[in-house]
Amino acid sequence: MKTGDLVEVEFSVDGEAIEWNIHHHPGGQEQATYHLMGSDASAMYEFTAPTDDFYFAMWENPGPGVVTIDVKLKLASTTELVAWF
């Protein structure tokens, strides 16, 4: 993302709350810097990139069961989705 780019995220799951965050690895470092985080079954949030870098939206199911997640992203015109896995 470029400095000042905005991404809007909305998600919901069909089960228990999941953990989520937006983070990046400044300069390719192993240590992550977390910008937003939470534990919810649904959420809406916005993130504005503070610097030019790759940023990661991550969701993790801490429970033993399977959940289905529905994610909607609204990206700035200069923002590129590089990977989805």
PDB file of N, CA and C in Angstrom:
ATOM      1  N   MET A   1       0.846  -1.171   0.000  1.00  0.00           N
ATOM      2  CA  MET A   1       0.000   0.000   0.000  1.00  0.00           C
ATOM      3  C   MET A   1       0.889   1.230   0.000  1.00  0.00           C
ATOM      4  N   LYS A   2       0.367   2.289  -0.517  1.00  0.00           N
ATOM      5  CA  LYS A   2       1.055   3.571  -0.492  1.00  0.00           C
ATOM      6  C   LYS A   2       0.620   4.350   0.752  1.00  0.00           C
ATOM      7  N   THR A   3       1.480   5.195   1.242  1.00  0.00           N
ATOM      8  CA  THR A   3       1.151   6.029   2.397  1.00  0.00           C
ATOM      9  C   THR A   3      -0.181   6.738   2.157  1.00  0.00           C
ATOM     10  N   GLY A   4      -1.096   6.615   3.101  1.00  0.00           N
ATOM     11  CA  GLY A   4      -2.397   7.267   3.003  1.00  0.00           C
ATOM     12  C   GLY A   4      -3.474   6.449   2.325  1.00  0.00           C
ATOM     13  N   ASP A   5      -3.101   5.318   1.696  1.00  0.00           N
ATOM     14  CA  ASP A   5      -4.120   4.451   1.094  1.00  0.00           C
ATOM     15  C   ASP A   5      -5.058   3.920   2.176  1.00  0.00           C
ATOM     16  N   LEU A   6      -6.317   3.820   1.825  1.00  0.00           N
ATOM     17  CA  LEU A   6      -7.346   3.354   2.748  1.00  0.00           C
ATOM     18  C   LEU A   6      -7.889   2.012   2.279  1.00  0.00           C
ATOM     19  N   VAL A   7      -8.064   1.098   3.203  1.00  0.00           N
ATOM     20  CA  VAL A   7      -8.769  -0.159   2.935  1.00  0.00           C
ATOM     21  C   VAL A   7      -9.897  -0.268   3.951  1.00  0.00           C
ATOM     22  N   GLU A   8     -11.068  -0.650   3.467  1.00  0.00           N
ATOM     23  CA  GLU A   8     -12.214  -0.896   4.331  1.00  0.00           C
ATOM     24  C   GLU A   8     -12.467  -2.394   4.346  1.00  0.00           C
ATOM     25  N   VAL A   9     -12.631  -2.952   5.536  1.00  0.00           N
ATOM     26  CA  VAL A   9     -12.799  -4.391   5.702  1.00  0.00           C
ATOM     27  C   VAL A   9     -14.093  -4.659   6.468  1.00  0.00           C
ATOM     28  N   GLU A  10     -14.845  -5.632   5.985  1.00  0.00           N
ATOM     29  CA  GLU A  10     -16.029  -6.111   6.686  1.00  0.00           C
ATOM     30  C   GLU A  10     -15.986  -7.633   6.634  1.00  0.00           C
ATOM     31  N   PHE A  11     -16.197  -8.287   7.768  1.00  0.00           N
ATOM     32  CA  PHE A  11     -16.220  -9.745   7.759  1.00  0.00           C
ATOM     33  C   PHE A  11     -17.245 -10.267   8.751  1.00  0.00           C
ATOM     34  N   SER A  12     -17.667 -11.500   8.516  1.00  0.00           N
ATOM     35  CA  SER A  12     -18.531 -12.202   9.459  1.00  0.00           C
ATOM     36  C   SER A  12     -18.238 -13.691   9.338  1.00  0.00           C
ATOM     37  N   VAL A  13     -18.419 -14.402  10.436  1.00  0.00           N
ATOM     38  CA  VAL A  13     -18.236 -15.846  10.449  1.00  0.00           C
ATOM     39  C   VAL A  13     -19.530 -16.502  10.906  1.00  0.00           C
ATOM     40  N   ASP A  14     -19.665 -17.768  10.591  1.00  0.00           N
ATOM     41  CA  ASP A  14     -20.884 -18.489  10.948  1.00  0.00           C
ATOM     42  C   ASP A  14     -20.742 -19.261  12.254  1.00  0.00           C
ATOM     43  N   GLY A  15     -19.765 -18.901  13.053  1.00  0.00           N
ATOM     44  CA  GLY A  15     -19.550 -19.603  14.306  1.00  0.00           C
ATOM     45  C   GLY A  15     -19.027 -18.675  15.377  1.00  0.00           C
ATOM     46  N   GLU A  16     -18.162 -19.205  16.201  1.00  0.00           N
ATOM     47  CA  GLU A  16     -17.570 -18.453  17.310  1.00  0.00           C
ATOM     48  C   GLU A  16     -16.661 -17.335  16.793  1.00  0.00           C
ATOM     49  N   ALA A  17     -16.328 -16.414  17.668  1.00  0.00           N
ATOM     50  CA  ALA A  17     -15.442 -15.302  17.326  1.00  0.00           C
ATOM     51  C   ALA A  17     -14.088 -15.824  16.844  1.00  0.00           C
ATOM     52  N   ILE A  18     -13.510 -15.102  15.892  1.00  0.00           N
ATOM     53  CA  ILE A  18     -12.173 -15.401  15.407  1.00  0.00           C
ATOM     54  C   ILE A  18     -11.270 -14.213  15.716  1.00  0.00           C
ATOM     55  N   GLU A  19      -9.992 -14.461  15.743  1.00  0.00           N
ATOM     56  CA  GLU A  19      -9.021 -13.388  15.979  1.00  0.00           C
ATOM     57  C   GLU A  19      -8.626 -12.793  14.631  1.00  0.00           C
ATOM     58  N   TRP A  20      -8.472 -11.486  14.586  1.00  0.00           N
ATOM     59  CA  TRP A  20      -8.107 -10.816  13.343  1.00  0.00           C
ATOM     60  C   TRP A  20      -7.117  -9.692  13.628  1.00  0.00           C
ATOM     61  N   ASN A  21      -6.371  -9.310  12.604  1.00  0.00           N
ATOM     62  CA  ASN A  21      -5.464  -8.173  12.740  1.00  0.00           C
ATOM     63  C   ASN A  21      -5.047  -7.644  11.382  1.00  0.00           C
ATOM     64  N   ILE A  22      -4.534  -6.438  11.390  1.00  0.00           N
ATOM     65  CA  ILE A  22      -3.802  -5.879  10.252  1.00  0.00           C
ATOM     66  C   ILE A  22      -2.414  -5.566  10.773  1.00  0.00           C
ATOM     67  N   HIS A  23      -1.409  -6.084  10.067  1.00  0.00           N
ATOM     68  CA  HIS A  23      -0.026  -5.905  10.500  1.00  0.00           C
ATOM     69  C   HIS A  23       0.894  -5.762   9.291  1.00  0.00           C
ATOM     70  N   HIS A  24       2.114  -5.392   9.563  1.00  0.00           N
ATOM     71  CA  HIS A  24       3.140  -5.405   8.523  1.00  0.00           C
ATOM     72  C   HIS A  24       4.481  -5.725   9.157  1.00  0.00           C
ATOM     73  N   HIS A  25       5.446  -6.024   8.318  1.00  0.00           N
ATOM     74  CA  HIS A  25       6.803  -6.372   8.743  1.00  0.00           C
ATOM     75  C   HIS A  25       7.732  -5.294   8.195  1.00  0.00           C
ATOM     76  N   PRO A  26       7.962  -4.215   8.963  1.00  0.00           N
ATOM     77  CA  PRO A  26       8.745  -3.086   8.460  1.00  0.00           C
ATOM     78  C   PRO A  26      10.109  -3.522   7.916  1.00  0.00           C
ATOM     79  N   GLY A  27      10.384  -3.104   6.691  1.00  0.00           N
ATOM     80  CA  GLY A  27      11.666  -3.419   6.084  1.00  0.00           C
ATOM     81  C   GLY A  27      11.900  -4.908   5.901  1.00  0.00           C
ATOM     82  N   GLY A  28      10.832  -5.711   5.881  1.00  0.00           N
ATOM     83  CA  GLY A  28      10.969  -7.142   5.713  1.00  0.00           C
ATOM     84  C   GLY A  28      11.404  -7.884   6.968  1.00  0.00           C
ATOM     85  N   GLN A  29      11.374  -7.190   8.105  1.00  0.00           N
ATOM     86  CA  GLN A  29      11.773  -7.822   9.366  1.00  0.00           C
ATOM     87  C   GLN A  29      10.831  -8.965   9.731  1.00  0.00           C
ATOM     88  N   GLU A  30      11.337  -9.902  10.513  1.00  0.00           N
ATOM     89  CA  GLU A  30      10.497 -11.004  10.981  1.00  0.00           C
ATOM     90  C   GLU A  30       9.455 -10.506  11.980  1.00  0.00           C
ATOM     91  N   GLN A  31       9.834  -9.574  12.853  1.00  0.00           N
ATOM     92  CA  GLN A  31       8.944  -9.021  13.873  1.00  0.00           C
ATOM     93  C   GLN A  31       7.846  -8.175  13.217  1.00  0.00           C
ATOM     94  N   ALA A  32       6.600  -8.452  13.565  1.00  0.00           N
ATOM     95  CA  ALA A  32       5.471  -7.722  12.992  1.00  0.00           C
ATOM     96  C   ALA A  32       5.116  -6.507  13.836  1.00  0.00           C
ATOM     97  N   THR A  33       4.603  -5.481  13.174  1.00  0.00           N
ATOM     98  CA  THR A  33       4.003  -4.324  13.824  1.00  0.00           C
ATOM     99  C   THR A  33       2.500  -4.423  13.592  1.00  0.00           C
ATOM    100  N   TYR A  34       1.716  -4.471  14.684  1.00  0.00           N
ATOM    101  CA  TYR A  34       0.266  -4.622  14.591  1.00  0.00           C
ATOM    102  C   TYR A  34      -0.390  -3.244  14.655  1.00  0.00           C
ATOM    103  N   HIS A  35      -1.326  -3.013  13.724  1.00  0.00           N
ATOM    104  CA  HIS A  35      -2.003  -1.719  13.633  1.00  0.00           C
ATOM    105  C   HIS A  35      -3.427  -1.790  14.170  1.00  0.00           C
ATOM    106  N   LEU A  36      -4.121  -2.882  13.882  1.00  0.00           N
ATOM    107  CA  LEU A  36      -5.480  -3.113  14.379  1.00  0.00           C
ATOM    108  C   LEU A  36      -5.583  -4.581  14.746  1.00  0.00           C
ATOM    109  N   MET A  37      -6.356  -4.879  15.789  1.00  0.00           N
ATOM    110  CA  MET A  37      -6.578  -6.279  16.137  1.00  0.00           C
ATOM    111  C   MET A  37      -7.836  -6.418  16.975  1.00  0.00           C
ATOM    112  N   GLY A  38      -8.395  -7.628  16.944  1.00  0.00           N
ATOM    113  CA  GLY A  38      -9.584  -7.884  17.735  1.00  0.00           C
ATOM    114  C   GLY A  38      -9.951  -9.343  17.720  1.00  0.00           C
ATOM    115  N   SER A  39     -11.052  -9.663  18.374  1.00  0.00           N
ATOM    116  CA  SER A  39     -11.610 -11.008  18.411  1.00  0.00           C
ATOM    117  C   SER A  39     -13.119 -10.852  18.328  1.00  0.00           C
ATOM    118  N   ASP A  40     -13.685 -11.190  17.162  1.00  0.00           N
ATOM    119  CA  ASP A  40     -15.099 -10.933  16.911  1.00  0.00           C
ATOM    120  C   ASP A  40     -15.674 -11.987  15.968  1.00  0.00           C
ATOM    121  N   ALA A  41     -16.992 -12.135  15.996  1.00  0.00           N
ATOM    122  CA  ALA A  41     -17.675 -12.959  15.008  1.00  0.00           C
ATOM    123  C   ALA A  41     -18.031 -12.140  13.775  1.00  0.00           C
ATOM    124  N   SER A  42     -18.007 -10.821  13.909  1.00  0.00           N
ATOM    125  CA  SER A  42     -18.185  -9.915  12.767  1.00  0.00           C
ATOM    126  C   SER A  42     -17.596  -8.563  13.142  1.00  0.00           C
ATOM    127  N   ALA A  43     -17.133  -7.850  12.139  1.00  0.00           N
ATOM    128  CA  ALA A  43     -16.554  -6.528  12.390  1.00  0.00           C
ATOM    129  C   ALA A  43     -16.475  -5.747  11.083  1.00  0.00           C
ATOM    130  N   MET A  44     -16.430  -4.430  11.238  1.00  0.00           N
ATOM    131  CA  MET A  44     -16.174  -3.507  10.131  1.00  0.00           C
ATOM    132  C   MET A  44     -15.109  -2.551  10.622  1.00  0.00           C
ATOM    133  N   TYR A  45     -14.070  -2.331   9.810  1.00  0.00           N
ATOM    134  CA  TYR A  45     -13.033  -1.393  10.208  1.00  0.00           C
ATOM    135  C   TYR A  45     -12.344  -0.820   8.986  1.00  0.00           C
ATOM    136  N   GLU A  46     -11.656   0.285   9.197  1.00  0.00           N
ATOM    137  CA  GLU A  46     -10.870   0.949   8.157  1.00  0.00           C
ATOM    138  C   GLU A  46      -9.427   1.016   8.604  1.00  0.00           C
ATOM    139  N   PHE A  47      -8.530   0.938   7.639  1.00  0.00           N
ATOM    140  CA  PHE A  47      -7.107   1.061   7.926  1.00  0.00           C
ATOM    141  C   PHE A  47      -6.487   1.966   6.876  1.00  0.00           C
ATOM    142  N   THR A  48      -5.700   2.934   7.337  1.00  0.00           N
ATOM    143  CA  THR A  48      -4.959   3.822   6.455  1.00  0.00           C
ATOM    144  C   THR A  48      -3.478   3.543   6.630  1.00  0.00           C
ATOM    145  N   ALA A  49      -2.792   3.255   5.540  1.00  0.00           N
ATOM    146  CA  ALA A  49      -1.370   2.912   5.594  1.00  0.00           C
ATOM    147  C   ALA A  49      -0.543   4.103   6.057  1.00  0.00           C
ATOM    148  N   PRO A  50       0.247   3.930   7.122  1.00  0.00           N
ATOM    149  CA  PRO A  50       1.079   5.038   7.602  1.00  0.00           C
ATOM    150  C   PRO A  50       2.343   5.243   6.761  1.00  0.00           C
ATOM    151  N   THR A  51       2.781   4.197   6.056  1.00  0.00           N
ATOM    152  CA  THR A  51       3.972   4.275   5.207  1.00  0.00           C
ATOM    153  C   THR A  51       3.780   3.363   4.000  1.00  0.00           C
ATOM    154  N   ASP A  52       4.587   3.534   2.974  1.00  0.00           N
ATOM    155  CA  ASP A  52       4.588   2.618   1.838  1.00  0.00           C
ATOM    156  C   ASP A  52       5.126   1.271   2.313  1.00  0.00           C
ATOM    157  N   ASP A  53       4.353   0.205   2.152  1.00  0.00           N
ATOM    158  CA  ASP A  53       4.823  -1.123   2.556  1.00  0.00           C
ATOM    159  C   ASP A  53       3.754  -2.150   2.207  1.00  0.00           C
ATOM    160  N   PHE A  54       4.064  -3.416   2.427  1.00  0.00           N
ATOM    161  CA  PHE A  54       3.086  -4.492   2.317  1.00  0.00           C
ATOM    162  C   PHE A  54       2.404  -4.634   3.674  1.00  0.00           C
ATOM    163  N   TYR A  55       1.067  -4.683   3.667  1.00  0.00           N
ATOM    164  CA  TYR A  55       0.289  -4.856   4.884  1.00  0.00           C
ATOM    165  C   TYR A  55      -0.532  -6.135   4.751  1.00  0.00           C
ATOM    166  N   PHE A  56      -0.790  -6.777   5.881  1.00  0.00           N
ATOM    167  CA  PHE A  56      -1.449  -8.069   5.884  1.00  0.00           C
ATOM    168  C   PHE A  56      -2.698  -8.022   6.750  1.00  0.00           C
ATOM    169  N   ALA A  57      -3.822  -8.468   6.176  1.00  0.00           N
ATOM    170  CA  ALA A  57      -5.046  -8.684   6.938  1.00  0.00           C
ATOM    171  C   ALA A  57      -5.073 -10.170   7.241  1.00  0.00           C
ATOM    172  N   MET A  58      -5.222 -10.517   8.514  1.00  0.00           N
ATOM    173  CA  MET A  58      -5.140 -11.912   8.909  1.00  0.00           C
ATOM    174  C   MET A  58      -6.309 -12.268   9.814  1.00  0.00           C
ATOM    175  N   TRP A  59      -6.877 -13.444   9.595  1.00  0.00           N
ATOM    176  CA  TRP A  59      -7.935 -13.987  10.428  1.00  0.00           C
ATOM    177  C   TRP A  59      -7.497 -15.364  10.903  1.00  0.00           C
ATOM    178  N   GLU A  60      -7.742 -15.670  12.170  1.00  0.00           N
ATOM    179  CA  GLU A  60      -7.337 -16.964  12.718  1.00  0.00           C
ATOM    180  C   GLU A  60      -8.449 -17.507  13.600  1.00  0.00           C
ATOM    181  N   ASN A  61      -8.783 -18.771  13.396  1.00  0.00           N
ATOM    182  CA  ASN A  61      -9.799 -19.445  14.189  1.00  0.00           C
ATOM    183  C   ASN A  61      -9.110 -20.119  15.371  1.00  0.00           C
ATOM    184  N   PRO A  62      -9.279 -19.597  16.602  1.00  0.00           N
ATOM    185  CA  PRO A  62      -8.620 -20.200  17.758  1.00  0.00           C
ATOM    186  C   PRO A  62      -9.338 -21.437  18.295  1.00  0.00           C
ATOM    187  N   GLY A  63     -10.533 -21.703  17.795  1.00  0.00           N
ATOM    188  CA  GLY A  63     -11.321 -22.812  18.322  1.00  0.00           C
ATOM    189  C   GLY A  63     -11.084 -24.114  17.568  1.00  0.00           C
ATOM    190  N   PRO A  64     -11.665 -25.189  18.083  1.00  0.00           N
ATOM    191  CA  PRO A  64     -11.475 -26.496  17.461  1.00  0.00           C
ATOM    192  C   PRO A  64     -12.392 -26.741  16.257  1.00  0.00           C
ATOM    193  N   GLY A  65     -13.479 -25.982  16.153  1.00  0.00           N
ATOM    194  CA  GLY A  65     -14.437 -26.208  15.071  1.00  0.00           C
ATOM    195  C   GLY A  65     -14.073 -25.457  13.800  1.00  0.00           C
ATOM    196  N   VAL A  66     -14.760 -25.815  12.735  1.00  0.00           N
ATOM    197  CA  VAL A  66     -14.587 -25.160  11.440  1.00  0.00           C
ATOM    198  C   VAL A  66     -15.553 -23.985  11.359  1.00  0.00           C
ATOM    199  N   VAL A  67     -15.090 -22.855  10.824  1.00  0.00           N
ATOM    200  CA  VAL A  67     -15.959 -21.713  10.582  1.00  0.00           C
ATOM    201  C   VAL A  67     -15.817 -21.291   9.120  1.00  0.00           C
ATOM    202  N   THR A  68     -16.872 -20.700   8.616  1.00  0.00           N
ATOM    203  CA  THR A  68     -16.839 -20.103   7.282  1.00  0.00           C
ATOM    204  C   THR A  68     -16.801 -18.602   7.474  1.00  0.00           C
ATOM    205  N   ILE A  69     -15.900 -17.937   6.749  1.00  0.00           N
ATOM    206  CA  ILE A  69     -15.759 -16.492   6.877  1.00  0.00           C
ATOM    207  C   ILE A  69     -16.146 -15.824   5.563  1.00  0.00           C
ATOM    208  N   ASP A  70     -16.914 -14.754   5.679  1.00  0.00           N
ATOM    209  CA  ASP A  70     -17.311 -13.939   4.532  1.00  0.00           C
ATOM    210  C   ASP A  70     -16.579 -12.614   4.680  1.00  0.00           C
ATOM    211  N   VAL A  71     -15.752 -12.254   3.703  1.00  0.00           N
ATOM    212  CA  VAL A  71     -14.928 -11.045   3.776  1.00  0.00           C
ATOM    213  C   VAL A  71     -15.244 -10.137   2.601  1.00  0.00           C
ATOM    214  N   LYS A  72     -15.398  -8.846   2.895  1.00  0.00           N
ATOM    215  CA  LYS A  72     -15.566  -7.830   1.857  1.00  0.00           C
ATOM    216  C   LYS A  72     -14.469  -6.799   2.042  1.00  0.00           C
ATOM    217  N   LEU A  73     -13.734  -6.523   0.967  1.00  0.00           N
ATOM    218  CA  LEU A  73     -12.668  -5.524   0.996  1.00  0.00           C
ATOM    219  C   LEU A  73     -13.003  -4.410   0.025  1.00  0.00           C
ATOM    220  N   LYS A  74     -12.772  -3.184   0.445  1.00  0.00           N
ATOM    221  CA  LYS A  74     -12.864  -2.036  -0.449  1.00  0.00           C
ATOM    222  C   LYS A  74     -11.483  -1.403  -0.434  1.00  0.00           C
ATOM    223  N   LEU A  75     -10.813  -1.420  -1.595  1.00  0.00           N
ATOM    224  CA  LEU A  75      -9.431  -0.959  -1.687  1.00  0.00           C
ATOM    225  C   LEU A  75      -9.331   0.382  -2.392  1.00  0.00           C
ATOM    226  N   ALA A  76      -8.335   1.173  -1.999  1.00  0.00           N
ATOM    227  CA  ALA A  76      -8.037   2.417  -2.705  1.00  0.00           C
ATOM    228  C   ALA A  76      -7.607   2.075  -4.124  1.00  0.00           C
ATOM    229  N   SER A  77      -7.756   3.011  -5.048  1.00  0.00           N
ATOM    230  CA  SER A  77      -7.424   2.742  -6.452  1.00  0.00           C
ATOM    231  C   SER A  77      -5.953   2.397  -6.651  1.00  0.00           C
ATOM    232  N   THR A  78      -5.085   2.814  -5.740  1.00  0.00           N
ATOM    233  CA  THR A  78      -3.656   2.518  -5.862  1.00  0.00           C
ATOM    234  C   THR A  78      -3.247   1.289  -5.063  1.00  0.00           C
ATOM    235  N   THR A  79      -4.199   0.636  -4.374  1.00  0.00           N
ATOM    236  CA  THR A  79      -3.897  -0.532  -3.547  1.00  0.00           C
ATOM    237  C   THR A  79      -4.023  -1.797  -4.366  1.00  0.00           C
ATOM    238  N   GLU A  80      -3.027  -2.674  -4.239  1.00  0.00           N
ATOM    239  CA  GLU A  80      -3.007  -3.925  -4.980  1.00  0.00           C
ATOM    240  C   GLU A  80      -3.107  -5.101  -4.011  1.00  0.00           C
ATOM    241  N   LEU A  81      -4.010  -6.025  -4.287  1.00  0.00           N
ATOM    242  CA  LEU A  81      -4.110  -7.264  -3.524  1.00  0.00           C
ATOM    243  C   LEU A  81      -3.084  -8.224  -4.109  1.00  0.00           C
ATOM    244  N   VAL A  82      -2.039  -8.528  -3.370  1.00  0.00           N
ATOM    245  CA  VAL A  82      -0.918  -9.315  -3.871  1.00  0.00           C
ATOM    246  C   VAL A  82      -1.158 -10.810  -3.698  1.00  0.00           C
ATOM    247  N   ALA A  83      -1.755 -11.227  -2.589  1.00  0.00           N
ATOM    248  CA  ALA A  83      -1.958 -12.644  -2.345  1.00  0.00           C
ATOM    249  C   ALA A  83      -3.182 -12.865  -1.475  1.00  0.00           C
ATOM    250  N   TRP A  84      -3.779 -14.015  -1.629  1.00  0.00           N
ATOM    251  CA  TRP A  84      -4.899 -14.436  -0.799  1.00  0.00           C
ATOM    252  C   TRP A  84      -4.685 -15.902  -0.475  1.00  0.00           C
ATOM    253  N   PHE A  85      -4.393 -16.183   0.787  1.00  0.00           N
ATOM    254  CA  PHE A  85      -4.182 -17.585   1.183  1.00  0.00           C
ATOM    255  C   PHE A  85      -4.546 -17.793   2.618  1.00  0.00           C
TER     256      PHE A  85
END
